Amino acid sequence: MKKRGPSRRGFLAGSVSAWLAASWPGIVAAQEHVHRLARSGAAGKFEFFSPEQAAEVEAVAAQIIPSDDSPGAREARIIHFIDRALHTFDRDKQPVYTEGLRDLQAKTAAMFPGVARFSALTSEQQIELLKSIEKTPFFGMVRTHTIVGFFANPEYGGNYEKTGWRLIGFDDAFHFQPPFGYYDREYKGA
């Protein structure tokens, strides 16, 4: 009988465990920081972004999850989640944002002469520009952070007032009442 190597599930479990072990101090620091902010009620100042950079990234995020009949990324304060992630557990992604923002500014000036900032473009112009960079690491990272921040625990800086959770009908009770297994018992008894 042929001996099998490690399973994909075992490899994945080991990889996730290794990542958690290596990232644990940053994750704990981020959690403690957001708990302090949540208790204080303050939105917090930016730790990685300058206010100008934050405005640019927020404009990109607002195109990824726009405001329409329901709140979008801007109302969910995704920029605070992204800033906190880049200052703590996703610190290694800082160069992607730094270079991406520089490229975004250059692309804005090239495509729309006389306009220096992405956030100053019309919505239609922003979408046109974003389509031209949608395959870049920068756009991919902003998209990932925007989606994660929109649905993450509000204590992590985004999902302000549970905007994302309300949108999908998520019950954030985190404590559910029995009867656990009731439906299984009924199914087996039938």
N, C-alpha and C. Protein backbone atom coordinates (compact mmCIF):
# COMPACT_ATOMS: atom_id res chain seq x y z
N MET A 1 0.84 -1.17 0.00
CA MET A 1 0.00 0.00 0.00
C MET A 1 0.89 1.24 0.00
N LYS A 2 0.54 2.20 -0.82
CA LYS A 2 1.33 3.43 -0.97
C LYS A 2 1.07 4.36 0.22
N LYS A 3 2.15 4.87 0.81
CA LYS A 3 2.02 5.79 1.94
C LYS A 3 1.67 7.17 1.41
N ARG A 4 0.68 7.79 2.02
CA ARG A 4 0.25 9.11 1.60
C ARG A 4 0.99 10.18 2.38
N GLY A 5 1.23 11.31 1.73
CA GLY A 5 1.87 12.45 2.38
C GLY A 5 0.86 13.20 3.23
N PRO A 6 1.28 14.32 3.75
CA PRO A 6 0.37 15.10 4.57
C PRO A 6 -0.84 15.57 3.76
N SER A 7 -1.97 15.63 4.42
CA SER A 7 -3.19 16.06 3.73
C SER A 7 -3.19 17.58 3.57
N ARG A 8 -3.99 18.04 2.63
CA ARG A 8 -4.13 19.49 2.44
C ARG A 8 -4.74 20.12 3.68
N ARG A 9 -5.67 19.43 4.30
CA ARG A 9 -6.31 19.96 5.51
C ARG A 9 -5.28 20.11 6.63
N GLY A 10 -4.43 19.10 6.79
CA GLY A 10 -3.39 19.18 7.81
C GLY A 10 -2.40 20.28 7.53
N PHE A 11 -2.04 20.43 6.26
CA PHE A 11 -1.11 21.50 5.87
C PHE A 11 -1.73 22.86 6.15
N LEU A 12 -2.99 23.03 5.77
CA LEU A 12 -3.68 24.29 5.97
C LEU A 12 -3.80 24.60 7.45
N ALA A 13 -4.17 23.63 8.25
CA ALA A 13 -4.30 23.83 9.69
C ALA A 13 -2.96 24.24 10.30
N GLY A 14 -1.89 23.61 9.85
CA GLY A 14 -0.56 23.97 10.33
C GLY A 14 -0.17 25.37 9.90
N SER A 15 -0.51 25.74 8.67
CA SER A 15 -0.19 27.08 8.16
C SER A 15 -0.94 28.16 8.93
N VAL A 16 -2.23 27.92 9.16
CA VAL A 16 -3.03 28.89 9.90
C VAL A 16 -2.50 29.02 11.33
N SER A 17 -2.17 27.89 11.94
CA SER A 17 -1.63 27.92 13.30
C SER A 17 -0.32 28.69 13.36
N ALA A 18 0.54 28.48 12.36
CA ALA A 18 1.82 29.20 12.32
C ALA A 18 1.59 30.69 12.15
N TRP A 19 0.66 31.07 11.26
CA TRP A 19 0.38 32.49 11.05
C TRP A 19 -0.16 33.11 12.33
N LEU A 20 -1.10 32.42 13.00
CA LEU A 20 -1.65 32.95 14.25
C LEU A 20 -0.57 33.12 15.31
N ALA A 21 0.30 32.14 15.42
CA ALA A 21 1.37 32.22 16.41
C ALA A 21 2.29 33.41 16.12
N ALA A 22 2.63 33.61 14.85
CA ALA A 22 3.52 34.71 14.48
C ALA A 22 2.84 36.06 14.59
N SER A 23 1.54 36.11 14.35
CA SER A 23 0.81 37.39 14.33
C SER A 23 0.13 37.71 15.65
N TRP A 24 0.15 36.78 16.59
CA TRP A 24 -0.61 36.95 17.81
C TRP A 24 -0.35 38.26 18.55
N PRO A 25 0.90 38.67 18.76
CA PRO A 25 1.12 39.94 19.48
C PRO A 25 0.46 41.13 18.79
N GLY A 26 0.53 41.19 17.47
CA GLY A 26 -0.11 42.28 16.74
C GLY A 26 -1.62 42.23 16.82
N ILE A 27 -2.18 41.03 16.76
CA ILE A 27 -3.63 40.89 16.84
C ILE A 27 -4.12 41.30 18.23
N VAL A 28 -3.41 40.88 19.26
CA VAL A 28 -3.78 41.25 20.63
C VAL A 28 -3.66 42.76 20.82
N ALA A 29 -2.58 43.37 20.29
CA ALA A 29 -2.41 44.82 20.40
C ALA A 29 -3.54 45.56 19.69
N ALA A 30 -3.92 45.08 18.52
CA ALA A 30 -5.02 45.71 17.78
C ALA A 30 -6.32 45.59 18.56
N GLN A 31 -6.56 44.43 19.13
CA GLN A 31 -7.78 44.22 19.89
C GLN A 31 -7.82 45.13 21.12
N GLU A 32 -6.72 45.23 21.83
CA GLU A 32 -6.68 46.10 23.01
C GLU A 32 -6.90 47.56 22.63
N HIS A 33 -6.29 47.97 21.51
CA HIS A 33 -6.45 49.35 21.05
C HIS A 33 -7.91 49.66 20.73
N VAL A 34 -8.56 48.79 19.99
CA VAL A 34 -9.95 49.07 19.61
C VAL A 34 -10.88 48.97 20.81
N HIS A 35 -10.56 48.13 21.78
CA HIS A 35 -11.38 48.09 23.00
C HIS A 35 -11.29 49.42 23.73
N ARG A 36 -10.09 49.99 23.82
CA ARG A 36 -9.93 51.31 24.47
C ARG A 36 -10.71 52.37 23.71
N LEU A 37 -10.60 52.36 22.37
CA LEU A 37 -11.34 53.35 21.57
C LEU A 37 -12.84 53.17 21.72
N ALA A 38 -13.28 51.93 21.72
CA ALA A 38 -14.72 51.68 21.84
C ALA A 38 -15.25 52.19 23.18
N ARG A 39 -14.50 51.99 24.23
CA ARG A 39 -14.92 52.47 25.55
C ARG A 39 -14.92 53.99 25.61
N SER A 40 -13.97 54.63 24.92
CA SER A 40 -13.88 56.08 24.96
C SER A 40 -14.91 56.76 24.07
N GLY A 41 -15.41 56.04 23.05
CA GLY A 41 -16.38 56.61 22.13
C GLY A 41 -15.75 57.46 21.04
N ALA A 42 -14.43 57.60 21.04
CA ALA A 42 -13.74 58.42 20.04
C ALA A 42 -13.48 57.61 18.77
N ALA A 43 -13.45 58.30 17.64
CA ALA A 43 -13.17 57.63 16.38
C ALA A 43 -11.70 57.28 16.26
N GLY A 44 -10.85 58.00 16.95
CA GLY A 44 -9.42 57.72 16.90
C GLY A 44 -8.73 58.46 15.78
N LYS A 45 -7.46 58.73 16.00
CA LYS A 45 -6.69 59.41 14.96
C LYS A 45 -5.99 58.36 14.12
N PHE A 46 -5.56 58.78 12.96
CA PHE A 46 -4.88 57.86 12.06
C PHE A 46 -3.46 57.61 12.56
N GLU A 47 -3.06 56.35 12.48
CA GLU A 47 -1.73 55.98 12.93
C GLU A 47 -0.80 55.66 11.78
N PHE A 48 -1.33 55.23 10.64
CA PHE A 48 -0.50 54.97 9.48
C PHE A 48 -0.70 56.04 8.41
N PHE A 49 -1.93 56.34 8.08
CA PHE A 49 -2.24 57.30 7.02
C PHE A 49 -2.11 58.74 7.51
N SER A 50 -1.73 59.60 6.59
CA SER A 50 -1.90 61.03 6.81
C SER A 50 -3.37 61.32 6.51
N PRO A 51 -3.91 62.45 6.93
CA PRO A 51 -5.31 62.76 6.59
C PRO A 51 -5.56 62.78 5.07
N GLU A 52 -4.58 63.23 4.30
CA GLU A 52 -4.71 63.27 2.84
C GLU A 52 -4.76 61.86 2.26
N GLN A 53 -3.87 60.99 2.75
CA GLN A 53 -3.87 59.60 2.28
C GLN A 53 -5.17 58.91 2.67
N ALA A 54 -5.64 59.17 3.87
CA ALA A 54 -6.89 58.57 4.34
C ALA A 54 -8.05 58.97 3.43
N ALA A 55 -8.08 60.22 3.01
CA ALA A 55 -9.15 60.69 2.12
C ALA A 55 -9.11 59.95 0.78
N GLU A 56 -7.91 59.67 0.28
CA GLU A 56 -7.78 58.96 -0.99
C GLU A 56 -8.24 57.51 -0.87
N VAL A 57 -7.78 56.83 0.17
CA VAL A 57 -8.17 55.43 0.37
C VAL A 57 -9.66 55.33 0.66
N GLU A 58 -10.19 56.26 1.43
CA GLU A 58 -11.62 56.26 1.71
C GLU A 58 -12.43 56.44 0.42
N ALA A 59 -11.94 57.27 -0.50
CA ALA A 59 -12.64 57.46 -1.78
C ALA A 59 -12.63 56.18 -2.60
N VAL A 60 -11.52 55.44 -2.57
CA VAL A 60 -11.45 54.16 -3.28
C VAL A 60 -12.44 53.18 -2.63
N ALA A 61 -12.41 53.08 -1.30
CA ALA A 61 -13.30 52.16 -0.59
C ALA A 61 -14.76 52.51 -0.84
N ALA A 62 -15.06 53.80 -0.96
CA ALA A 62 -16.44 54.23 -1.20
C ALA A 62 -16.93 53.83 -2.59
N GLN A 63 -16.02 53.58 -3.51
CA GLN A 63 -16.42 53.06 -4.83
C GLN A 63 -16.58 51.54 -4.79
N ILE A 64 -15.86 50.88 -3.90
CA ILE A 64 -15.96 49.42 -3.76
C ILE A 64 -17.28 49.05 -3.10
N ILE A 65 -17.64 49.72 -2.01
CA ILE A 65 -18.95 49.55 -1.37
C ILE A 65 -19.57 50.93 -1.31
N PRO A 66 -20.28 51.30 -2.39
CA PRO A 66 -20.84 52.65 -2.45
C PRO A 66 -22.08 52.82 -1.58
N SER A 67 -22.37 54.06 -1.27
CA SER A 67 -23.61 54.40 -0.56
C SER A 67 -24.71 54.53 -1.59
N ASP A 68 -25.81 53.88 -1.34
CA ASP A 68 -26.98 54.01 -2.22
C ASP A 68 -28.21 53.99 -1.31
N ASP A 69 -29.07 53.02 -1.45
CA ASP A 69 -30.22 52.91 -0.55
C ASP A 69 -29.78 52.51 0.85
N SER A 70 -28.57 52.00 0.95
CA SER A 70 -28.03 51.59 2.25
C SER A 70 -26.65 52.21 2.42
N PRO A 71 -26.17 52.27 3.66
CA PRO A 71 -24.84 52.84 3.90
C PRO A 71 -23.74 52.05 3.22
N GLY A 72 -22.67 52.75 2.88
CA GLY A 72 -21.54 52.10 2.24
C GLY A 72 -20.30 52.17 3.11
N ALA A 73 -19.15 52.01 2.46
CA ALA A 73 -17.86 51.97 3.17
C ALA A 73 -17.59 53.25 3.95
N ARG A 74 -17.97 54.38 3.39
CA ARG A 74 -17.72 55.65 4.08
C ARG A 74 -18.50 55.71 5.39
N GLU A 75 -19.77 55.35 5.36
CA GLU A 75 -20.58 55.40 6.58
C GLU A 75 -20.13 54.35 7.59
N ALA A 76 -19.60 53.24 7.11
CA ALA A 76 -19.12 52.18 8.01
C ALA A 76 -17.73 52.50 8.57
N ARG A 77 -17.17 53.64 8.14
CA ARG A 77 -15.85 54.10 8.61
C ARG A 77 -14.76 53.06 8.39
N ILE A 78 -14.76 52.51 7.19
CA ILE A 78 -13.80 51.48 6.83
C ILE A 78 -12.37 51.99 6.93
N ILE A 79 -12.16 53.25 6.67
CA ILE A 79 -10.80 53.80 6.68
C ILE A 79 -10.13 53.59 8.04
N HIS A 80 -10.89 53.61 9.11
CA HIS A 80 -10.31 53.39 10.44
C HIS A 80 -9.88 51.94 10.62
N PHE A 81 -10.66 51.01 10.06
CA PHE A 81 -10.26 49.60 10.10
C PHE A 81 -8.97 49.40 9.31
N ILE A 82 -8.90 49.97 8.10
CA ILE A 82 -7.72 49.79 7.25
C ILE A 82 -6.49 50.40 7.93
N ASP A 83 -6.64 51.59 8.46
CA ASP A 83 -5.51 52.24 9.14
C ASP A 83 -5.03 51.39 10.31
N ARG A 84 -5.96 50.87 11.08
CA ARG A 84 -5.59 50.06 12.25
C ARG A 84 -4.92 48.75 11.81
N ALA A 85 -5.44 48.14 10.75
CA ALA A 85 -4.83 46.90 10.24
C ALA A 85 -3.39 47.15 9.81
N LEU A 86 -3.16 48.25 9.11
CA LEU A 86 -1.82 48.55 8.62
C LEU A 86 -0.86 48.94 9.73
N HIS A 87 -1.40 49.35 10.85
CA HIS A 87 -0.54 49.71 11.98
C HIS A 87 -0.27 48.51 12.88
N THR A 88 -1.06 47.44 12.73
CA THR A 88 -0.90 46.29 13.61
C THR A 88 -0.67 45.01 12.81
N PHE A 89 -1.68 44.17 12.64
CA PHE A 89 -1.47 42.83 12.12
C PHE A 89 -1.14 42.76 10.63
N ASP A 90 -1.44 43.79 9.85
CA ASP A 90 -1.11 43.79 8.42
C ASP A 90 -0.01 44.81 8.10
N ARG A 91 0.87 45.00 9.04
CA ARG A 91 1.96 45.97 8.89
C ARG A 91 2.80 45.70 7.64
N ASP A 92 2.94 44.44 7.28
CA ASP A 92 3.74 44.09 6.10
C ASP A 92 3.09 44.57 4.80
N LYS A 93 1.84 45.02 4.85
CA LYS A 93 1.15 45.51 3.65
C LYS A 93 1.34 47.02 3.47
N GLN A 94 2.02 47.68 4.39
CA GLN A 94 2.23 49.12 4.29
C GLN A 94 2.87 49.54 2.96
N PRO A 95 3.91 48.84 2.47
CA PRO A 95 4.50 49.25 1.19
C PRO A 95 3.52 49.18 0.02
N VAL A 96 2.59 48.24 0.07
CA VAL A 96 1.58 48.14 -1.00
C VAL A 96 0.75 49.41 -1.03
N TYR A 97 0.37 49.91 0.13
CA TYR A 97 -0.42 51.14 0.20
C TYR A 97 0.43 52.36 -0.16
N THR A 98 1.63 52.44 0.35
CA THR A 98 2.47 53.59 0.07
C THR A 98 2.73 53.72 -1.43
N GLU A 99 3.14 52.64 -2.05
CA GLU A 99 3.39 52.65 -3.50
C GLU A 99 2.09 52.83 -4.28
N GLY A 100 1.04 52.17 -3.84
CA GLY A 100 -0.24 52.26 -4.53
C GLY A 100 -0.82 53.66 -4.52
N LEU A 101 -0.69 54.35 -3.39
CA LEU A 101 -1.18 55.73 -3.33
C LEU A 101 -0.37 56.65 -4.23
N ARG A 102 0.92 56.42 -4.29
CA ARG A 102 1.78 57.22 -5.20
C ARG A 102 1.37 56.96 -6.65
N ASP A 103 1.16 55.70 -7.00
CA ASP A 103 0.72 55.36 -8.36
C ASP A 103 -0.67 55.89 -8.65
N LEU A 104 -1.56 55.87 -7.67
CA LEU A 104 -2.91 56.39 -7.85
C LEU A 104 -2.87 57.88 -8.17
N GLN A 105 -2.03 58.61 -7.46
CA GLN A 105 -1.89 60.05 -7.71
C GLN A 105 -1.35 60.31 -9.12
N ALA A 106 -0.33 59.53 -9.52
CA ALA A 106 0.25 59.69 -10.86
C ALA A 106 -0.77 59.34 -11.95
N LYS A 107 -1.52 58.26 -11.73
CA LYS A 107 -2.53 57.83 -12.70
C LYS A 107 -3.65 58.87 -12.80
N THR A 108 -4.02 59.46 -11.68
CA THR A 108 -5.05 60.51 -11.67
C THR A 108 -4.60 61.69 -12.51
N ALA A 109 -3.36 62.14 -12.28
CA ALA A 109 -2.83 63.29 -13.03
C ALA A 109 -2.70 62.97 -14.52
N ALA A 110 -2.34 61.74 -14.87
CA ALA A 110 -2.17 61.35 -16.27
C ALA A 110 -3.52 61.25 -16.99
N MET A 111 -4.50 60.66 -16.33
CA MET A 111 -5.80 60.46 -16.97
C MET A 111 -6.66 61.72 -16.97
N PHE A 112 -6.49 62.55 -15.94
CA PHE A 112 -7.32 63.74 -15.79
C PHE A 112 -6.44 64.95 -15.48
N PRO A 113 -5.78 65.49 -16.50
CA PRO A 113 -4.88 66.64 -16.29
C PRO A 113 -5.57 67.77 -15.53
N GLY A 114 -4.83 68.33 -14.62
CA GLY A 114 -5.36 69.42 -13.81
C GLY A 114 -5.99 68.96 -12.50
N VAL A 115 -6.17 67.65 -12.34
CA VAL A 115 -6.72 67.11 -11.09
C VAL A 115 -5.61 66.32 -10.41
N ALA A 116 -5.27 66.72 -9.20
CA ALA A 116 -4.14 66.09 -8.51
C ALA A 116 -4.56 64.95 -7.57
N ARG A 117 -5.83 64.93 -7.18
CA ARG A 117 -6.24 63.96 -6.17
C ARG A 117 -7.40 63.10 -6.68
N PHE A 118 -7.30 61.81 -6.44
CA PHE A 118 -8.35 60.87 -6.82
C PHE A 118 -9.68 61.27 -6.19
N SER A 119 -9.65 61.68 -4.93
CA SER A 119 -10.87 62.03 -4.21
C SER A 119 -11.57 63.26 -4.80
N ALA A 120 -10.88 64.03 -5.64
CA ALA A 120 -11.48 65.21 -6.27
C ALA A 120 -12.20 64.88 -7.58
N LEU A 121 -12.05 63.66 -8.06
CA LEU A 121 -12.70 63.25 -9.31
C LEU A 121 -14.19 63.01 -9.08
N THR A 122 -14.96 63.06 -10.15
CA THR A 122 -16.37 62.67 -10.06
C THR A 122 -16.44 61.16 -9.87
N SER A 123 -17.59 60.68 -9.47
CA SER A 123 -17.77 59.25 -9.28
C SER A 123 -17.48 58.48 -10.56
N GLU A 124 -17.96 58.98 -11.69
CA GLU A 124 -17.74 58.31 -12.97
C GLU A 124 -16.25 58.26 -13.32
N GLN A 125 -15.53 59.35 -13.06
CA GLN A 125 -14.09 59.38 -13.33
C GLN A 125 -13.35 58.42 -12.39
N GLN A 126 -13.77 58.36 -11.14
CA GLN A 126 -13.14 57.44 -10.20
C GLN A 126 -13.31 56.00 -10.66
N ILE A 127 -14.50 55.65 -11.10
CA ILE A 127 -14.75 54.28 -11.57
C ILE A 127 -13.90 53.99 -12.79
N GLU A 128 -13.80 54.92 -13.69
CA GLU A 128 -12.97 54.73 -14.89
C GLU A 128 -11.51 54.48 -14.50
N LEU A 129 -11.00 55.26 -13.58
CA LEU A 129 -9.62 55.08 -13.14
C LEU A 129 -9.45 53.75 -12.42
N LEU A 130 -10.37 53.40 -11.55
CA LEU A 130 -10.25 52.15 -10.80
C LEU A 130 -10.30 50.93 -11.71
N LYS A 131 -11.07 51.01 -12.78
CA LYS A 131 -11.08 49.90 -13.74
C LYS A 131 -9.70 49.71 -14.37
N SER A 132 -8.96 50.78 -14.51
CA SER A 132 -7.63 50.68 -15.12
C SER A 132 -6.58 50.12 -14.16
N ILE A 133 -6.88 50.09 -12.86
CA ILE A 133 -5.91 49.57 -11.88
C ILE A 133 -6.45 48.37 -11.11
N GLU A 134 -7.59 47.81 -11.53
CA GLU A 134 -8.22 46.77 -10.73
C GLU A 134 -7.40 45.49 -10.60
N LYS A 135 -6.40 45.29 -11.41
CA LYS A 135 -5.56 44.08 -11.32
C LYS A 135 -4.28 44.32 -10.51
N THR A 136 -4.13 45.51 -9.92
CA THR A 136 -2.92 45.83 -9.17
C THR A 136 -3.00 45.31 -7.74
N PRO A 137 -1.85 45.06 -7.12
CA PRO A 137 -1.87 44.64 -5.71
C PRO A 137 -2.54 45.67 -4.80
N PHE A 138 -2.35 46.94 -5.11
CA PHE A 138 -2.95 48.01 -4.30
C PHE A 138 -4.48 47.91 -4.29
N PHE A 139 -5.07 47.85 -5.47
CA PHE A 139 -6.53 47.77 -5.53
C PHE A 139 -7.03 46.49 -4.87
N GLY A 140 -6.36 45.38 -5.11
CA GLY A 140 -6.75 44.12 -4.49
C GLY A 140 -6.72 44.19 -2.97
N MET A 141 -5.69 44.86 -2.44
CA MET A 141 -5.57 44.98 -0.98
C MET A 141 -6.65 45.91 -0.42
N VAL A 142 -6.90 47.03 -1.10
CA VAL A 142 -7.95 47.94 -0.62
C VAL A 142 -9.31 47.23 -0.68
N ARG A 143 -9.56 46.49 -1.74
CA ARG A 143 -10.83 45.75 -1.85
C ARG A 143 -10.97 44.75 -0.70
N THR A 144 -9.92 43.98 -0.45
CA THR A 144 -9.96 43.00 0.64
C THR A 144 -10.19 43.67 1.98
N HIS A 145 -9.42 44.70 2.29
CA HIS A 145 -9.58 45.41 3.56
C HIS A 145 -10.96 46.06 3.67
N THR A 146 -11.48 46.56 2.58
CA THR A 146 -12.81 47.20 2.60
C THR A 146 -13.89 46.18 2.95
N ILE A 147 -13.86 45.05 2.30
CA ILE A 147 -14.88 44.03 2.54
C ILE A 147 -14.75 43.46 3.95
N VAL A 148 -13.53 43.15 4.36
CA VAL A 148 -13.33 42.62 5.71
C VAL A 148 -13.76 43.64 6.75
N GLY A 149 -13.36 44.89 6.57
CA GLY A 149 -13.72 45.94 7.53
C GLY A 149 -15.21 46.23 7.58
N PHE A 150 -15.89 46.03 6.47
CA PHE A 150 -17.33 46.30 6.42
C PHE A 150 -18.11 45.28 7.25
N PHE A 151 -17.59 44.05 7.34
CA PHE A 151 -18.31 42.99 8.05
C PHE A 151 -17.62 42.56 9.35
N ALA A 152 -16.48 43.15 9.69
CA ALA A 152 -15.76 42.76 10.90
C ALA A 152 -16.48 43.26 12.15
N ASN A 153 -16.04 42.76 13.27
CA ASN A 153 -16.56 43.23 14.54
C ASN A 153 -16.31 44.74 14.61
N PRO A 154 -17.31 45.55 14.95
CA PRO A 154 -17.12 47.00 15.00
C PRO A 154 -15.97 47.44 15.91
N GLU A 155 -15.62 46.62 16.87
CA GLU A 155 -14.52 46.98 17.76
C GLU A 155 -13.19 47.06 17.03
N TYR A 156 -13.11 46.51 15.82
CA TYR A 156 -11.86 46.53 15.07
C TYR A 156 -11.69 47.78 14.24
N GLY A 157 -12.64 48.71 14.33
CA GLY A 157 -12.46 49.99 13.67
C GLY A 157 -13.40 50.25 12.52
N GLY A 158 -13.92 49.25 11.86
CA GLY A 158 -14.87 49.44 10.77
C GLY A 158 -16.26 49.02 11.21
N ASN A 159 -17.15 48.80 10.25
CA ASN A 159 -18.50 48.35 10.54
C ASN A 159 -19.16 49.22 11.60
N TYR A 160 -18.97 50.53 11.47
CA TYR A 160 -19.48 51.50 12.44
C TYR A 160 -20.97 51.31 12.64
N GLU A 161 -21.38 51.28 13.90
CA GLU A 161 -22.76 51.06 14.30
C GLU A 161 -23.37 49.81 13.65
N LYS A 162 -22.51 48.82 13.39
CA LYS A 162 -22.92 47.52 12.84
C LYS A 162 -23.57 47.64 11.47
N THR A 163 -23.08 48.59 10.69
CA THR A 163 -23.63 48.86 9.36
C THR A 163 -23.67 47.62 8.50
N GLY A 164 -22.54 46.92 8.39
CA GLY A 164 -22.48 45.72 7.56
C GLY A 164 -23.34 44.60 8.09
N TRP A 165 -23.35 44.44 9.40
CA TRP A 165 -24.14 43.37 10.00
C TRP A 165 -25.63 43.60 9.77
N ARG A 166 -26.08 44.85 9.94
CA ARG A 166 -27.50 45.15 9.71
C ARG A 166 -27.87 44.89 8.26
N LEU A 167 -26.96 45.19 7.35
CA LEU A 167 -27.23 45.03 5.93
C LEU A 167 -27.52 43.57 5.56
N ILE A 168 -26.80 42.64 6.20
CA ILE A 168 -27.01 41.22 5.88
C ILE A 168 -27.87 40.50 6.90
N GLY A 169 -28.37 41.23 7.90
CA GLY A 169 -29.24 40.62 8.90
C GLY A 169 -28.51 39.73 9.89
N PHE A 170 -27.25 40.03 10.17
CA PHE A 170 -26.46 39.22 11.10
C PHE A 170 -26.93 39.44 12.53
N ASP A 171 -27.19 38.37 13.24
CA ASP A 171 -27.58 38.42 14.65
C ASP A 171 -26.30 38.35 15.48
N ASP A 172 -25.97 39.45 16.10
CA ASP A 172 -24.71 39.51 16.84
C ASP A 172 -24.88 39.21 18.32
N ALA A 173 -25.86 38.40 18.67
CA ALA A 173 -26.07 38.06 20.07
C ALA A 173 -24.88 37.29 20.63
N PHE A 174 -24.28 36.43 19.85
CA PHE A 174 -23.14 35.60 20.24
C PHE A 174 -23.45 34.63 21.37
N HIS A 175 -24.65 34.68 21.89
CA HIS A 175 -25.10 33.73 22.90
C HIS A 175 -26.49 33.27 22.46
N PHE A 176 -26.59 32.01 22.15
CA PHE A 176 -27.85 31.51 21.62
C PHE A 176 -28.46 30.53 22.62
N GLN A 177 -29.75 30.52 22.67
CA GLN A 177 -30.49 29.70 23.61
C GLN A 177 -30.71 28.29 23.06
N PRO A 178 -30.74 27.30 23.94
CA PRO A 178 -31.08 25.95 23.50
C PRO A 178 -32.50 25.94 22.97
N PRO A 179 -32.94 25.00 22.27
CA PRO A 179 -32.44 23.63 22.29
C PRO A 179 -31.45 23.37 21.17
N PHE A 180 -30.19 23.23 21.53
CA PHE A 180 -29.20 22.83 20.54
C PHE A 180 -29.43 21.36 20.23
N GLY A 181 -29.39 20.99 19.00
CA GLY A 181 -29.60 19.62 18.60
C GLY A 181 -31.06 19.21 18.50
N TYR A 182 -31.96 20.10 18.83
CA TYR A 182 -33.38 19.79 18.78
C TYR A 182 -33.79 19.31 17.40
N TYR A 183 -33.34 20.00 16.38
CA TYR A 183 -33.75 19.64 15.03
C TYR A 183 -33.17 18.29 14.62
N ASP A 184 -31.97 17.98 15.08
CA ASP A 184 -31.39 16.67 14.79
C ASP A 184 -32.20 15.57 15.44
N ARG A 185 -32.63 15.79 16.68
CA ARG A 185 -33.41 14.78 17.39
C ARG A 185 -34.73 14.53 16.67
N GLU A 186 -35.37 15.61 16.21
CA GLU A 186 -36.63 15.47 15.50
C GLU A 186 -36.42 14.74 14.18
N TYR A 187 -35.32 15.01 13.52
CA TYR A 187 -35.04 14.38 12.24
C TYR A 187 -34.80 12.88 12.43
N LYS A 188 -34.01 12.54 13.44
CA LYS A 188 -33.68 11.13 13.68
C LYS A 188 -34.90 10.35 14.17
N GLY A 189 -35.79 11.03 14.90
CA GLY A 189 -36.97 10.35 15.43
C GLY A 189 -38.06 10.14 14.40
N ALA A 190 -37.97 10.81 13.31
CA ALA A 190 -39.04 10.72 12.31
C ALA A 190 -38.92 9.50 11.44
